[in-house]
Amino acid sequence: MTARTALVVGALFAFAAVGLGAFGAHALKARLSADALAIWQTAVLYHGWHALALFGVGAVLLARPDAAPFAWAAWLFAAGIVVFSGSLYALAFTGVKALGAITPVGGLLLLAGWLAAAWGGWRA
């Protein structure tokens, strides 16, 4: 992933995290159970933190566009947000428990993103 893409996608994911957090706190508060709202909040938390991580990796790529581990980290963070938080949003909204089986895959993608970032830092 290029620095520009990581910065733009990171910023857009952060924007979406704020919007989805507000949506959950206001529009869904009366519609979802306390358990479903807790799932929604977990999705927002990981979504927001990893959007910032993606933005940070984009900043590193500005200075080191040839740093492949950081480019991998960016892809892994983006995919992890979609799979991890996306499955939790869907689970909270629909109540379909099978969606929870997808969530760990997203968690592994996020963890792999952190390992790629660590590898990039080690090599820097």
PDB file of N, CA and C in Angstrom:
ATOM      1  N   MET A   1       0.851  -1.168   0.000  1.00  0.00           N
ATOM      2  CA  MET A   1       0.000   0.000   0.000  1.00  0.00           C
ATOM      3  C   MET A   1       0.897   1.230   0.000  1.00  0.00           C
ATOM      4  N   THR A   2       0.506   2.230  -0.724  1.00  0.00           N
ATOM      5  CA  THR A   2       1.290   3.466  -0.774  1.00  0.00           C
ATOM      6  C   THR A   2       0.976   4.336   0.441  1.00  0.00           C
ATOM      7  N   ALA A   3       1.845   5.296   0.678  1.00  0.00           N
ATOM      8  CA  ALA A   3       1.628   6.229   1.783  1.00  0.00           C
ATOM      9  C   ALA A   3       0.315   6.979   1.602  1.00  0.00           C
ATOM     10  N   ARG A   4       0.068   7.450   0.395  1.00  0.00           N
ATOM     11  CA  ARG A   4      -1.158   8.218   0.124  1.00  0.00           C
ATOM     12  C   ARG A   4      -2.395   7.379   0.423  1.00  0.00           C
ATOM     13  N   THR A   5      -2.393   6.151  -0.051  1.00  0.00           N
ATOM     14  CA  THR A   5      -3.545   5.276   0.176  1.00  0.00           C
ATOM     15  C   THR A   5      -3.732   5.004   1.660  1.00  0.00           C
ATOM     16  N   ALA A   6      -2.654   4.709   2.365  1.00  0.00           N
ATOM     17  CA  ALA A   6      -2.745   4.431   3.797  1.00  0.00           C
ATOM     18  C   ALA A   6      -3.271   5.650   4.556  1.00  0.00           C
ATOM     19  N   LEU A   7      -2.796   6.829   4.203  1.00  0.00           N
ATOM     20  CA  LEU A   7      -3.248   8.042   4.884  1.00  0.00           C
ATOM     21  C   LEU A   7      -4.722   8.322   4.611  1.00  0.00           C
ATOM     22  N   VAL A   8      -5.128   8.192   3.355  1.00  0.00           N
ATOM     23  CA  VAL A   8      -6.527   8.462   3.004  1.00  0.00           C
ATOM     24  C   VAL A   8      -7.449   7.419   3.618  1.00  0.00           C
ATOM     25  N   VAL A   9      -7.107   6.145   3.456  1.00  0.00           N
ATOM     26  CA  VAL A   9      -7.951   5.082   4.002  1.00  0.00           C
ATOM     27  C   VAL A   9      -7.982   5.155   5.527  1.00  0.00           C
ATOM     28  N   GLY A  10      -6.830   5.409   6.144  1.00  0.00           N
ATOM     29  CA  GLY A  10      -6.792   5.549   7.596  1.00  0.00           C
ATOM     30  C   GLY A  10      -7.691   6.678   8.081  1.00  0.00           C
ATOM     31  N   ALA A  11      -7.620   7.822   7.408  1.00  0.00           N
ATOM     32  CA  ALA A  11      -8.456   8.959   7.800  1.00  0.00           C
ATOM     33  C   ALA A  11      -9.943   8.658   7.583  1.00  0.00           C
ATOM     34  N   LEU A  12     -10.273   8.004   6.470  1.00  0.00           N
ATOM     35  CA  LEU A  12     -11.680   7.663   6.205  1.00  0.00           C
ATOM     36  C   LEU A  12     -12.197   6.620   7.190  1.00  0.00           C
ATOM     37  N   PHE A  13     -11.347   5.644   7.535  1.00  0.00           N
ATOM     38  CA  PHE A  13     -11.747   4.666   8.550  1.00  0.00           C
ATOM     39  C   PHE A  13     -11.950   5.352   9.907  1.00  0.00           C
ATOM     40  N   ALA A  14     -11.096   6.302  10.254  1.00  0.00           N
ATOM     41  CA  ALA A  14     -11.257   7.024  11.519  1.00  0.00           C
ATOM     42  C   ALA A  14     -12.556   7.827  11.512  1.00  0.00           C
ATOM     43  N   PHE A  15     -12.842   8.480  10.390  1.00  0.00           N
ATOM     44  CA  PHE A  15     -14.094   9.219  10.229  1.00  0.00           C
ATOM     45  C   PHE A  15     -15.283   8.282  10.456  1.00  0.00           C
ATOM     46  N   ALA A  16     -15.229   7.112   9.812  1.00  0.00           N
ATOM     47  CA  ALA A  16     -16.316   6.139   9.952  1.00  0.00           C
ATOM     48  C   ALA A  16     -16.440   5.646  11.389  1.00  0.00           C
ATOM     49  N   ALA A  17     -15.310   5.450  12.072  1.00  0.00           N
ATOM     50  CA  ALA A  17     -15.356   4.988  13.457  1.00  0.00           C
ATOM     51  C   ALA A  17     -16.063   5.998  14.354  1.00  0.00           C
ATOM     52  N   VAL A  18     -15.783   7.276  14.148  1.00  0.00           N
ATOM     53  CA  VAL A  18     -16.451   8.311  14.948  1.00  0.00           C
ATOM     54  C   VAL A  18     -17.948   8.306  14.649  1.00  0.00           C
ATOM     55  N   GLY A  19     -18.276   8.240  13.372  1.00  0.00           N
ATOM     56  CA  GLY A  19     -19.695   8.223  12.991  1.00  0.00           C
ATOM     57  C   GLY A  19     -20.427   6.998  13.521  1.00  0.00           C
ATOM     58  N   LEU A  20     -19.802   5.834  13.406  1.00  0.00           N
ATOM     59  CA  LEU A  20     -20.435   4.609  13.897  1.00  0.00           C
ATOM     60  C   LEU A  20     -20.526   4.592  15.417  1.00  0.00           C
ATOM     61  N   GLY A  21     -19.544   5.195  16.081  1.00  0.00           N
ATOM     62  CA  GLY A  21     -19.620   5.310  17.532  1.00  0.00           C
ATOM     63  C   GLY A  21     -20.789   6.183  17.960  1.00  0.00           C
ATOM     64  N   ALA A  22     -20.956   7.309  17.291  1.00  0.00           N
ATOM     65  CA  ALA A  22     -22.076   8.198  17.602  1.00  0.00           C
ATOM     66  C   ALA A  22     -23.410   7.535  17.267  1.00  0.00           C
ATOM     67  N   PHE A  23     -23.449   6.832  16.130  1.00  0.00           N
ATOM     68  CA  PHE A  23     -24.662   6.120  15.724  1.00  0.00           C
ATOM     69  C   PHE A  23     -25.050   5.093  16.783  1.00  0.00           C
ATOM     70  N   GLY A  24     -24.067   4.357  17.279  1.00  0.00           N
ATOM     71  CA  GLY A  24     -24.348   3.364  18.305  1.00  0.00           C
ATOM     72  C   GLY A  24     -24.818   3.987  19.608  1.00  0.00           C
ATOM     73  N   ALA A  25     -24.191   5.101  19.978  1.00  0.00           N
ATOM     74  CA  ALA A  25     -24.530   5.759  21.243  1.00  0.00           C
ATOM     75  C   ALA A  25     -25.894   6.427  21.217  1.00  0.00           C
ATOM     76  N   HIS A  26     -26.320   6.859  20.042  1.00  0.00           N
ATOM     77  CA  HIS A  26     -27.572   7.617  19.972  1.00  0.00           C
ATOM     78  C   HIS A  26     -28.689   6.850  19.279  1.00  0.00           C
ATOM     79  N   ALA A  27     -28.491   6.450  18.048  1.00  0.00           N
ATOM     80  CA  ALA A  27     -29.569   5.832  17.277  1.00  0.00           C
ATOM     81  C   ALA A  27     -29.839   4.389  17.690  1.00  0.00           C
ATOM     82  N   LEU A  28     -28.803   3.671  18.082  1.00  0.00           N
ATOM     83  CA  LEU A  28     -28.994   2.257  18.407  1.00  0.00           C
ATOM     84  C   LEU A  28     -29.256   2.002  19.882  1.00  0.00           C
ATOM     85  N   LYS A  29     -29.061   3.001  20.707  1.00  0.00           N
ATOM     86  CA  LYS A  29     -29.183   2.823  22.159  1.00  0.00           C
ATOM     87  C   LYS A  29     -30.543   2.240  22.547  1.00  0.00           C
ATOM     88  N   ALA A  30     -31.591   2.698  21.912  1.00  0.00           N
ATOM     89  CA  ALA A  30     -32.932   2.230  22.245  1.00  0.00           C
ATOM     90  C   ALA A  30     -33.314   0.971  21.477  1.00  0.00           C
ATOM     91  N   ARG A  31     -32.533   0.613  20.468  1.00  0.00           N
ATOM     92  CA  ARG A  31     -32.898  -0.523  19.605  1.00  0.00           C
ATOM     93  C   ARG A  31     -32.152  -1.810  19.916  1.00  0.00           C
ATOM     94  N   LEU A  32     -30.955  -1.700  20.480  1.00  0.00           N
ATOM     95  CA  LEU A  32     -30.140  -2.888  20.735  1.00  0.00           C
ATOM     96  C   LEU A  32     -30.102  -3.204  22.220  1.00  0.00           C
ATOM     97  N   SER A  33     -29.905  -4.472  22.520  1.00  0.00           N
ATOM     98  CA  SER A  33     -29.753  -4.893  23.912  1.00  0.00           C
ATOM     99  C   SER A  33     -28.418  -4.374  24.443  1.00  0.00           C
ATOM    100  N   ALA A  34     -28.252  -4.451  25.741  1.00  0.00           N
ATOM    101  CA  ALA A  34     -26.986  -4.024  26.353  1.00  0.00           C
ATOM    102  C   ALA A  34     -25.828  -4.866  25.829  1.00  0.00           C
ATOM    103  N   ASP A  35     -26.050  -6.168  25.638  1.00  0.00           N
ATOM    104  CA  ASP A  35     -24.999  -7.034  25.108  1.00  0.00           C
ATOM    105  C   ASP A  35     -24.627  -6.642  23.681  1.00  0.00           C
ATOM    106  N   ALA A  36     -25.630  -6.371  22.861  1.00  0.00           N
ATOM    107  CA  ALA A  36     -25.372  -5.978  21.474  1.00  0.00           C
ATOM    108  C   ALA A  36     -24.652  -4.630  21.419  1.00  0.00           C
ATOM    109  N   LEU A  37     -25.028  -3.714  22.300  1.00  0.00           N
ATOM    110  CA  LEU A  37     -24.338  -2.417  22.349  1.00  0.00           C
ATOM    111  C   LEU A  37     -22.882  -2.578  22.777  1.00  0.00           C
ATOM    112  N   ALA A  38     -22.617  -3.505  23.688  1.00  0.00           N
ATOM    113  CA  ALA A  38     -21.232  -3.761  24.109  1.00  0.00           C
ATOM    114  C   ALA A  38     -20.419  -4.311  22.936  1.00  0.00           C
ATOM    115  N   ILE A  39     -21.022  -5.172  22.131  1.00  0.00           N
ATOM    116  CA  ILE A  39     -20.354  -5.693  20.941  1.00  0.00           C
ATOM    117  C   ILE A  39     -20.079  -4.551  19.968  1.00  0.00           C
ATOM    118  N   TRP A  40     -21.055  -3.683  19.771  1.00  0.00           N
ATOM    119  CA  TRP A  40     -20.906  -2.522  18.891  1.00  0.00           C
ATOM    120  C   TRP A  40     -19.752  -1.640  19.372  1.00  0.00           C
ATOM    121  N   GLN A  41     -19.691  -1.401  20.671  1.00  0.00           N
ATOM    122  CA  GLN A  41     -18.635  -0.554  21.230  1.00  0.00           C
ATOM    123  C   GLN A  41     -17.257  -1.184  21.057  1.00  0.00           C
ATOM    124  N   THR A  42     -17.165  -2.502  21.168  1.00  0.00           N
ATOM    125  CA  THR A  42     -15.900  -3.186  20.925  1.00  0.00           C
ATOM    126  C   THR A  42     -15.475  -2.999  19.471  1.00  0.00           C
ATOM    127  N   ALA A  43     -16.435  -3.121  18.563  1.00  0.00           N
ATOM    128  CA  ALA A  43     -16.141  -2.922  17.139  1.00  0.00           C
ATOM    129  C   ALA A  43     -15.620  -1.509  16.892  1.00  0.00           C
ATOM    130  N   VAL A  44     -16.270  -0.517  17.486  1.00  0.00           N
ATOM    131  CA  VAL A  44     -15.854   0.877  17.310  1.00  0.00           C
ATOM    132  C   VAL A  44     -14.465   1.108  17.893  1.00  0.00           C
ATOM    133  N   LEU A  45     -14.203   0.534  19.060  1.00  0.00           N
ATOM    134  CA  LEU A  45     -12.911   0.716  19.725  1.00  0.00           C
ATOM    135  C   LEU A  45     -11.767   0.195  18.849  1.00  0.00           C
ATOM    136  N   TYR A  46     -11.875  -1.037  18.395  1.00  0.00           N
ATOM    137  CA  TYR A  46     -10.820  -1.614  17.570  1.00  0.00           C
ATOM    138  C   TYR A  46     -10.743  -0.934  16.201  1.00  0.00           C
ATOM    139  N   HIS A  47     -11.883  -0.554  15.675  1.00  0.00           N
ATOM    140  CA  HIS A  47     -11.941   0.168  14.407  1.00  0.00           C
ATOM    141  C   HIS A  47     -11.171   1.483  14.516  1.00  0.00           C
ATOM    142  N   GLY A  48     -11.459   2.252  15.555  1.00  0.00           N
ATOM    143  CA  GLY A  48     -10.820   3.556  15.721  1.00  0.00           C
ATOM    144  C   GLY A  48      -9.320   3.464  15.963  1.00  0.00           C
ATOM    145  N   TRP A  49      -8.920   2.569  16.859  1.00  0.00           N
ATOM    146  CA  TRP A  49      -7.491   2.431  17.155  1.00  0.00           C
ATOM    147  C   TRP A  49      -6.714   1.982  15.932  1.00  0.00           C
ATOM    148  N   HIS A  50      -7.274   1.070  15.180  1.00  0.00           N
ATOM    149  CA  HIS A  50      -6.533   0.560  14.026  1.00  0.00           C
ATOM    150  C   HIS A  50      -6.611   1.493  12.826  1.00  0.00           C
ATOM    151  N   ALA A  51      -7.610   2.354  12.783  1.00  0.00           N
ATOM    152  CA  ALA A  51      -7.618   3.424  11.778  1.00  0.00           C
ATOM    153  C   ALA A  51      -6.450   4.373  12.052  1.00  0.00           C
ATOM    154  N   LEU A  52      -6.229   4.686  13.325  1.00  0.00           N
ATOM    155  CA  LEU A  52      -5.080   5.532  13.689  1.00  0.00           C
ATOM    156  C   LEU A  52      -3.762   4.823  13.392  1.00  0.00           C
ATOM    157  N   ALA A  53      -3.713   3.515  13.642  1.00  0.00           N
ATOM    158  CA  ALA A  53      -2.504   2.750  13.325  1.00  0.00           C
ATOM    159  C   ALA A  53      -2.236   2.780  11.822  1.00  0.00           C
ATOM    160  N   LEU A  54      -3.275   2.618  11.029  1.00  0.00           N
ATOM    161  CA  LEU A  54      -3.135   2.680   9.575  1.00  0.00           C
ATOM    162  C   LEU A  54      -2.639   4.052   9.141  1.00  0.00           C
ATOM    163  N   PHE A  55      -3.171   5.097   9.733  1.00  0.00           N
ATOM    164  CA  PHE A  55      -2.720   6.459   9.429  1.00  0.00           C
ATOM    165  C   PHE A  55      -1.251   6.626   9.812  1.00  0.00           C
ATOM    166  N   GLY A  56      -0.870   6.091  10.966  1.00  0.00           N
ATOM    167  CA  GLY A  56       0.528   6.168  11.406  1.00  0.00           C
ATOM    168  C   GLY A  56       1.466   5.428  10.478  1.00  0.00           C
ATOM    169  N   VAL A  57       1.061   4.264  10.021  1.00  0.00           N
ATOM    170  CA  VAL A  57       1.867   3.511   9.070  1.00  0.00           C
ATOM    171  C   VAL A  57       2.002   4.307   7.762  1.00  0.00           C
ATOM    172  N   GLY A  58       0.937   4.991   7.371  1.00  0.00           N
ATOM    173  CA  GLY A  58       1.012   5.847   6.192  1.00  0.00           C
ATOM    174  C   GLY A  58       2.034   6.952   6.363  1.00  0.00           C
ATOM    175  N   ALA A  59       2.106   7.510   7.565  1.00  0.00           N
ATOM    176  CA  ALA A  59       3.101   8.552   7.838  1.00  0.00           C
ATOM    177  C   ALA A  59       4.514   7.998   7.734  1.00  0.00           C
ATOM    178  N   VAL A  60       4.712   6.777   8.229  1.00  0.00           N
ATOM    179  CA  VAL A  60       6.029   6.147   8.106  1.00  0.00           C
ATOM    180  C   VAL A  60       6.357   5.926   6.631  1.00  0.00           C
ATOM    181  N   LEU A  61       5.371   5.494   5.857  1.00  0.00           N
ATOM    182  CA  LEU A  61       5.600   5.236   4.431  1.00  0.00           C
ATOM    183  C   LEU A  61       5.937   6.507   3.651  1.00  0.00           C
ATOM    184  N   LEU A  62       5.502   7.663   4.160  1.00  0.00           N
ATOM    185  CA  LEU A  62       5.901   8.926   3.518  1.00  0.00           C
ATOM    186  C   LEU A  62       7.414   9.075   3.537  1.00  0.00           C
ATOM    187  N   ALA A  63       8.003   8.738   4.681  1.00  0.00           N
ATOM    188  CA  ALA A  63       9.451   8.877   4.841  1.00  0.00           C
ATOM    189  C   ALA A  63      10.205   7.688   4.251  1.00  0.00           C
ATOM    190  N   ARG A  64       9.598   6.522   4.271  1.00  0.00           N
ATOM    191  CA  ARG A  64      10.251   5.288   3.818  1.00  0.00           C
ATOM    192  C   ARG A  64       9.343   4.519   2.868  1.00  0.00           C
ATOM    193  N   PRO A  65       9.109   5.040   1.658  1.00  0.00           N
ATOM    194  CA  PRO A  65       8.181   4.368   0.742  1.00  0.00           C
ATOM    195  C   PRO A  65       8.628   2.967   0.338  1.00  0.00           C
ATOM    196  N   ASP A  66       9.894   2.654   0.537  1.00  0.00           N
ATOM    197  CA  ASP A  66      10.422   1.338   0.183  1.00  0.00           C
ATOM    198  C   ASP A  66      10.334   0.332   1.329  1.00  0.00           C
ATOM    199  N   ALA A  67       9.772   0.718   2.449  1.00  0.00           N
ATOM    200  CA  ALA A  67       9.707  -0.138   3.630  1.00  0.00           C
ATOM    201  C   ALA A  67       8.519  -1.102   3.499  1.00  0.00           C
ATOM    202  N   ALA A  68       8.777  -2.235   2.871  1.00  0.00           N
ATOM    203  CA  ALA A  68       7.727  -3.215   2.591  1.00  0.00           C
ATOM    204  C   ALA A  68       6.969  -3.690   3.831  1.00  0.00           C
ATOM    205  N   PRO A  69       7.632  -3.907   4.980  1.00  0.00           N
ATOM    206  CA  PRO A  69       6.849  -4.365   6.140  1.00  0.00           C
ATOM    207  C   PRO A  69       5.748  -3.377   6.544  1.00  0.00           C
ATOM    208  N   PHE A  70       6.000  -2.087   6.375  1.00  0.00           N
ATOM    209  CA  PHE A  70       4.979  -1.103   6.723  1.00  0.00           C
ATOM    210  C   PHE A  70       3.840  -1.107   5.704  1.00  0.00           C
ATOM    211  N   ALA A  71       4.161  -1.357   4.447  1.00  0.00           N
ATOM    212  CA  ALA A  71       3.112  -1.477   3.439  1.00  0.00           C
ATOM    213  C   ALA A  71       2.232  -2.693   3.746  1.00  0.00           C
ATOM    214  N   TRP A  72       2.866  -3.801   4.145  1.00  0.00           N
ATOM    215  CA  TRP A  72       2.107  -4.984   4.558  1.00  0.00           C
ATOM    216  C   TRP A  72       1.257  -4.676   5.782  1.00  0.00           C
ATOM    217  N   ALA A  73       1.824  -3.972   6.747  1.00  0.00           N
ATOM    218  CA  ALA A  73       1.069  -3.613   7.952  1.00  0.00           C
ATOM    219  C   ALA A  73      -0.180  -2.819   7.586  1.00  0.00           C
ATOM    220  N   ALA A  74      -0.036  -1.901   6.631  1.00  0.00           N
ATOM    221  CA  ALA A  74      -1.182  -1.094   6.215  1.00  0.00           C
ATOM    222  C   ALA A  74      -2.290  -1.982   5.652  1.00  0.00           C
ATOM    223  N   TRP A  75      -1.930  -2.894   4.766  1.00  0.00           N
ATOM    224  CA  TRP A  75      -2.931  -3.808   4.189  1.00  0.00           C
ATOM    225  C   TRP A  75      -3.575  -4.671   5.271  1.00  0.00           C
ATOM    226  N   LEU A  76      -2.763  -5.162   6.183  1.00  0.00           N
ATOM    227  CA  LEU A  76      -3.283  -6.024   7.239  1.00  0.00           C
ATOM    228  C   LEU A  76      -4.206  -5.265   8.189  1.00  0.00           C
ATOM    229  N   PHE A  77      -3.850  -4.027   8.533  1.00  0.00           N
ATOM    230  CA  PHE A  77      -4.726  -3.220   9.381  1.00  0.00           C
ATOM    231  C   PHE A  77      -6.056  -2.945   8.675  1.00  0.00           C
ATOM    232  N   ALA A  78      -5.999  -2.587   7.407  1.00  0.00           N
ATOM    233  CA  ALA A  78      -7.232  -2.300   6.662  1.00  0.00           C
ATOM    234  C   ALA A  78      -8.125  -3.538   6.604  1.00  0.00           C
ATOM    235  N   ALA A  79      -7.531  -4.668   6.253  1.00  0.00           N
ATOM    236  CA  ALA A  79      -8.318  -5.905   6.186  1.00  0.00           C
ATOM    237  C   ALA A  79      -8.840  -6.302   7.560  1.00  0.00           C
ATOM    238  N   GLY A  80      -8.022  -6.127   8.579  1.00  0.00           N
ATOM    239  CA  GLY A  80      -8.435  -6.469   9.938  1.00  0.00           C
ATOM    240  C   GLY A  80      -9.610  -5.628  10.416  1.00  0.00           C
ATOM    241  N   ILE A  81      -9.594  -4.345  10.089  1.00  0.00           N
ATOM    242  CA  ILE A  81     -10.719  -3.477  10.454  1.00  0.00           C
ATOM    243  C   ILE A  81     -11.996  -3.974   9.798  1.00  0.00           C
ATOM    244  N   VAL A  82     -11.909  -4.257   8.511  1.00  0.00           N
ATOM    245  CA  VAL A  82     -13.097  -4.704   7.778  1.00  0.00           C
ATOM    246  C   VAL A  82     -13.626  -6.020   8.345  1.00  0.00           C
ATOM    247  N   VAL A  83     -12.734  -6.983   8.564  1.00  0.00           N
ATOM    248  CA  VAL A  83     -13.170  -8.309   9.000  1.00  0.00           C
ATOM    249  C   VAL A  83     -13.539  -8.317  10.486  1.00  0.00           C
ATOM    250  N   PHE A  84     -12.663  -7.789  11.342  1.00  0.00           N
ATOM    251  CA  PHE A  84     -12.921  -7.819  12.784  1.00  0.00           C
ATOM    252  C   PHE A  84     -14.102  -6.925  13.150  1.00  0.00           C
ATOM    253  N   SER A  85     -13.957  -5.635  12.891  1.00  0.00           N
ATOM    254  CA  SER A  85     -15.024  -4.712  13.291  1.00  0.00           C
ATOM    255  C   SER A  85     -16.281  -4.931  12.454  1.00  0.00           C
ATOM    256  N   GLY A  86     -16.098  -5.201  11.175  1.00  0.00           N
ATOM    257  CA  GLY A  86     -17.261  -5.429  10.320  1.00  0.00           C
ATOM    258  C   GLY A  86     -18.109  -6.590  10.795  1.00  0.00           C
ATOM    259  N   SER A  87     -17.465  -7.692  11.185  1.00  0.00           N
ATOM    260  CA  SER A  87     -18.232  -8.843  11.671  1.00  0.00           C
ATOM    261  C   SER A  87     -18.924  -8.522  12.993  1.00  0.00           C
ATOM    262  N   LEU A  88     -18.264  -7.729  13.846  1.00  0.00           N
ATOM    263  CA  LEU A  88     -18.900  -7.350  15.112  1.00  0.00           C
ATOM    264  C   LEU A  88     -20.058  -6.384  14.897  1.00  0.00           C
ATOM    265  N   TYR A  89     -19.912  -5.427  13.975  1.00  0.00           N
ATOM    266  CA  TYR A  89     -21.038  -4.537  13.656  1.00  0.00           C
ATOM    267  C   TYR A  89     -22.227  -5.362  13.173  1.00  0.00           C
ATOM    268  N   ALA A  90     -21.953  -6.289  12.258  1.00  0.00           N
ATOM    269  CA  ALA A  90     -23.027  -7.123  11.713  1.00  0.00           C
ATOM    270  C   ALA A  90     -23.652  -7.994  12.799  1.00  0.00           C
ATOM    271  N   LEU A  91     -22.824  -8.562  13.673  1.00  0.00           N
ATOM    272  CA  LEU A  91     -23.326  -9.388  14.767  1.00  0.00           C
ATOM    273  C   LEU A  91     -24.223  -8.576  15.698  1.00  0.00           C
ATOM    274  N   ALA A  92     -23.768  -7.386  16.079  1.00  0.00           N
ATOM    275  CA  ALA A  92     -24.547  -6.541  16.993  1.00  0.00           C
ATOM    276  C   ALA A  92     -25.871  -6.132  16.357  1.00  0.00           C
ATOM    277  N   PHE A  93     -25.827  -5.835  15.084  1.00  0.00           N
ATOM    278  CA  PHE A  93     -27.016  -5.320  14.396  1.00  0.00           C
ATOM    279  C   PHE A  93     -28.009  -6.422  14.059  1.00  0.00           C
ATOM    280  N   THR A  94     -27.513  -7.603  13.682  1.00  0.00           N
ATOM    281  CA  THR A  94     -28.410  -8.667  13.233  1.00  0.00           C
ATOM    282  C   THR A  94     -28.661  -9.732  14.283  1.00  0.00           C
ATOM    283  N   GLY A  95     -27.720  -9.933  15.209  1.00  0.00           N
ATOM    284  CA  GLY A  95     -27.855 -10.993  16.185  1.00  0.00           C
ATOM    285  C   GLY A  95     -27.511 -12.370  15.647  1.00  0.00           C
ATOM    286  N   VAL A  96     -27.007 -12.444  14.414  1.00  0.00           N
ATOM    287  CA  VAL A  96     -26.638 -13.729  13.819  1.00  0.00           C
ATOM    288  C   VAL A  96     -25.316 -14.180  14.445  1.00  0.00           C
ATOM    289  N   LYS A  97     -25.395 -15.167  15.314  1.00  0.00           N
ATOM    290  CA  LYS A  97     -24.229 -15.611  16.096  1.00  0.00           C
ATOM    291  C   LYS A  97     -23.108 -16.169  15.216  1.00  0.00           C
ATOM    292  N   ALA A  98     -23.436 -16.727  14.059  1.00  0.00           N
ATOM    293  CA  ALA A  98     -22.416 -17.298  13.166  1.00  0.00           C
ATOM    294  C   ALA A  98     -21.404 -16.243  12.729  1.00  0.00           C
ATOM    295  N   LEU A  99     -21.789 -14.983  12.730  1.00  0.00           N
ATOM    296  CA  LEU A  99     -20.863 -13.915  12.355  1.00  0.00           C
ATOM    297  C   LEU A  99     -19.705 -13.811  13.329  1.00  0.00           C
ATOM    298  N   GLY A 100     -19.926 -14.237  14.571  1.00  0.00           N
ATOM    299  CA  GLY A 100     -18.865 -14.213  15.569  1.00  0.00           C
ATOM    300  C   GLY A 100     -17.716 -15.147  15.231  1.00  0.00           C
ATOM    301  N   ALA A 101     -17.970 -16.137  14.376  1.00  0.00           N
ATOM    302  CA  ALA A 101     -16.909 -17.065  13.974  1.00  0.00           C
ATOM    303  C   ALA A 101     -15.905 -16.403  13.037  1.00  0.00           C
ATOM    304  N   ILE A 102     -16.297 -15.318  12.389  1.00  0.00           N
ATOM    305  CA  ILE A 102     -15.422 -14.598  11.459  1.00  0.00           C
ATOM    306  C   ILE A 102     -14.496 -13.648  12.213  1.00  0.00           C
ATOM    307  N   THR A 103     -14.947 -13.157  13.340  1.00  0.00           N
ATOM    308  CA  THR A 103     -14.225 -12.134  14.100  1.00  0.00           C
ATOM    309  C   THR A 103     -12.781 -12.505  14.414  1.00  0.00           C
ATOM    310  N   PRO A 104     -12.486 -13.732  14.855  1.00  0.00           N
ATOM    311  CA  PRO A 104     -11.087 -14.067  15.157  1.00  0.00           C
ATOM    312  C   PRO A 104     -10.151 -13.949  13.949  1.00  0.00           C
ATOM    313  N   VAL A 105     -10.667 -14.176  12.756  1.00  0.00           N
ATOM    314  CA  VAL A 105      -9.844 -14.004  11.553  1.00  0.00           C
ATOM    315  C   VAL A 105      -9.405 -12.545  11.450  1.00  0.00           C
ATOM    316  N   GLY A 106     -10.342 -11.640  11.698  1.00  0.00           N
ATOM    317  CA  GLY A 106      -9.999 -10.221  11.703  1.00  0.00           C
ATOM    318  C   GLY A 106      -9.003  -9.876  12.782  1.00  0.00           C
ATOM    319  N   GLY A 107      -9.147 -10.497  13.952  1.00  0.00           N
ATOM    320  CA  GLY A 107      -8.188 -10.281  15.025  1.00  0.00           C
ATOM    321  C   GLY A 107      -6.796 -10.742  14.643  1.00  0.00           C
ATOM    322  N   LEU A 108      -6.708 -11.878  13.965  1.00  0.00           N
ATOM    323  CA  LEU A 108      -5.408 -12.364  13.495  1.00  0.00           C
ATOM    324  C   LEU A 108      -4.799 -11.414  12.464  1.00  0.00           C
ATOM    325  N   LEU A 109      -5.625 -10.837  11.611  1.00  0.00           N
ATOM    326  CA  LEU A 109      -5.119  -9.852  10.642  1.00  0.00           C
ATOM    327  C   LEU A 109      -4.561  -8.624  11.356  1.00  0.00           C
ATOM    328  N   LEU A 110      -5.256  -8.165  12.390  1.00  0.00           N
ATOM    329  CA  LEU A 110      -4.765  -7.006  13.158  1.00  0.00           C
ATOM    330  C   LEU A 110      -3.450  -7.348  13.863  1.00  0.00           C
ATOM    331  N   LEU A 111      -3.385  -8.516  14.459  1.00  0.00           N
ATOM    332  CA  LEU A 111      -2.145  -8.945  15.111  1.00  0.00           C
ATOM    333  C   LEU A 111      -1.003  -9.049  14.105  1.00  0.00           C
ATOM    334  N   ALA A 112      -1.290  -9.593  12.939  1.00  0.00           N
ATOM    335  CA  ALA A 112      -0.265  -9.699  11.889  1.00  0.00           C
ATOM    336  C   ALA A 112       0.193  -8.308  11.452  1.00  0.00           C
ATOM    337  N   GLY A 113      -0.727  -7.347  11.422  1.00  0.00           N
ATOM    338  CA  GLY A 113      -0.353  -5.970  11.099  1.00  0.00           C
ATOM    339  C   GLY A 113       0.637  -5.410  12.096  1.00  0.00           C
ATOM    340  N   TRP A 114       0.410  -5.690  13.378  1.00  0.00           N
ATOM    341  CA  TRP A 114       1.340  -5.216  14.405  1.00  0.00           C
ATOM    342  C   TRP A 114       2.686  -5.902  14.293  1.00  0.00           C
ATOM    343  N   LEU A 115       2.688  -7.185  13.963  1.00  0.00           N
ATOM    344  CA  LEU A 115       3.963  -7.873  13.770  1.00  0.00           C
ATOM    345  C   LEU A 115       4.716  -7.316  12.566  1.00  0.00           C
ATOM    346  N   ALA A 116       4.001  -7.016  11.496  1.00  0.00           N
ATOM    347  CA  ALA A 116       4.644  -6.423  10.315  1.00  0.00           C
ATOM    348  C   ALA A 116       5.225  -5.052  10.656  1.00  0.00           C
ATOM    349  N   ALA A 117       4.474  -4.260  11.436  1.00  0.00           N
ATOM    350  CA  ALA A 117       4.970  -2.955  11.853  1.00  0.00           C
ATOM    351  C   ALA A 117       6.216  -3.108  12.742  1.00  0.00           C
ATOM    352  N   ALA A 118       6.187  -4.098  13.625  1.00  0.00           N
ATOM    353  CA  ALA A 118       7.359  -4.352  14.484  1.00  0.00           C
ATOM    354  C   ALA A 118       8.562  -4.751  13.641  1.00  0.00           C
ATOM    355  N   TRP A 119       8.336  -5.604  12.657  1.00  0.00           N
ATOM    356  CA  TRP A 119       9.417  -6.024  11.778  1.00  0.00           C
ATOM    357  C   TRP A 119       9.980  -4.813  11.018  1.00  0.00           C
ATOM    358  N   GLY A 120       9.095  -3.955  10.538  1.00  0.00           N
ATOM    359  CA  GLY A 120       9.529  -2.747   9.856  1.00  0.00           C
ATOM    360  C   GLY A 120      10.337  -1.835  10.763  1.00  0.00           C
ATOM    361  N   GLY A 121       9.898  -1.723  12.016  1.00  0.00           N
ATOM    362  CA  GLY A 121      10.637  -0.918  12.979  1.00  0.00           C
ATOM    363  C   GLY A 121      12.008  -1.497  13.279  1.00  0.00           C
ATOM    364  N   TRP A 122      12.070  -2.815  13.370  1.00  0.00           N
ATOM    365  CA  TRP A 122      13.348  -3.476  13.630  1.00  0.00           C
ATOM    366  C   TRP A 122      14.320  -3.247  12.497  1.00  0.00           C
ATOM    367  N   ARG A 123      13.810  -3.289  11.278  1.00  0.00           N
ATOM    368  CA  ARG A 123      14.672  -3.132  10.095  1.00  0.00           C
ATOM    369  C   ARG A 123      15.040  -1.679   9.810  1.00  0.00           C
ATOM    370  N   ALA A 124      14.344  -0.738  10.424  1.00  0.00           N
ATOM    371  CA  ALA A 124      14.580   0.676  10.106  1.00  0.00           C
ATOM    372  C   ALA A 124      15.953   1.147  10.566  1.00  0.00           C
TER     373      ALA A 124
END
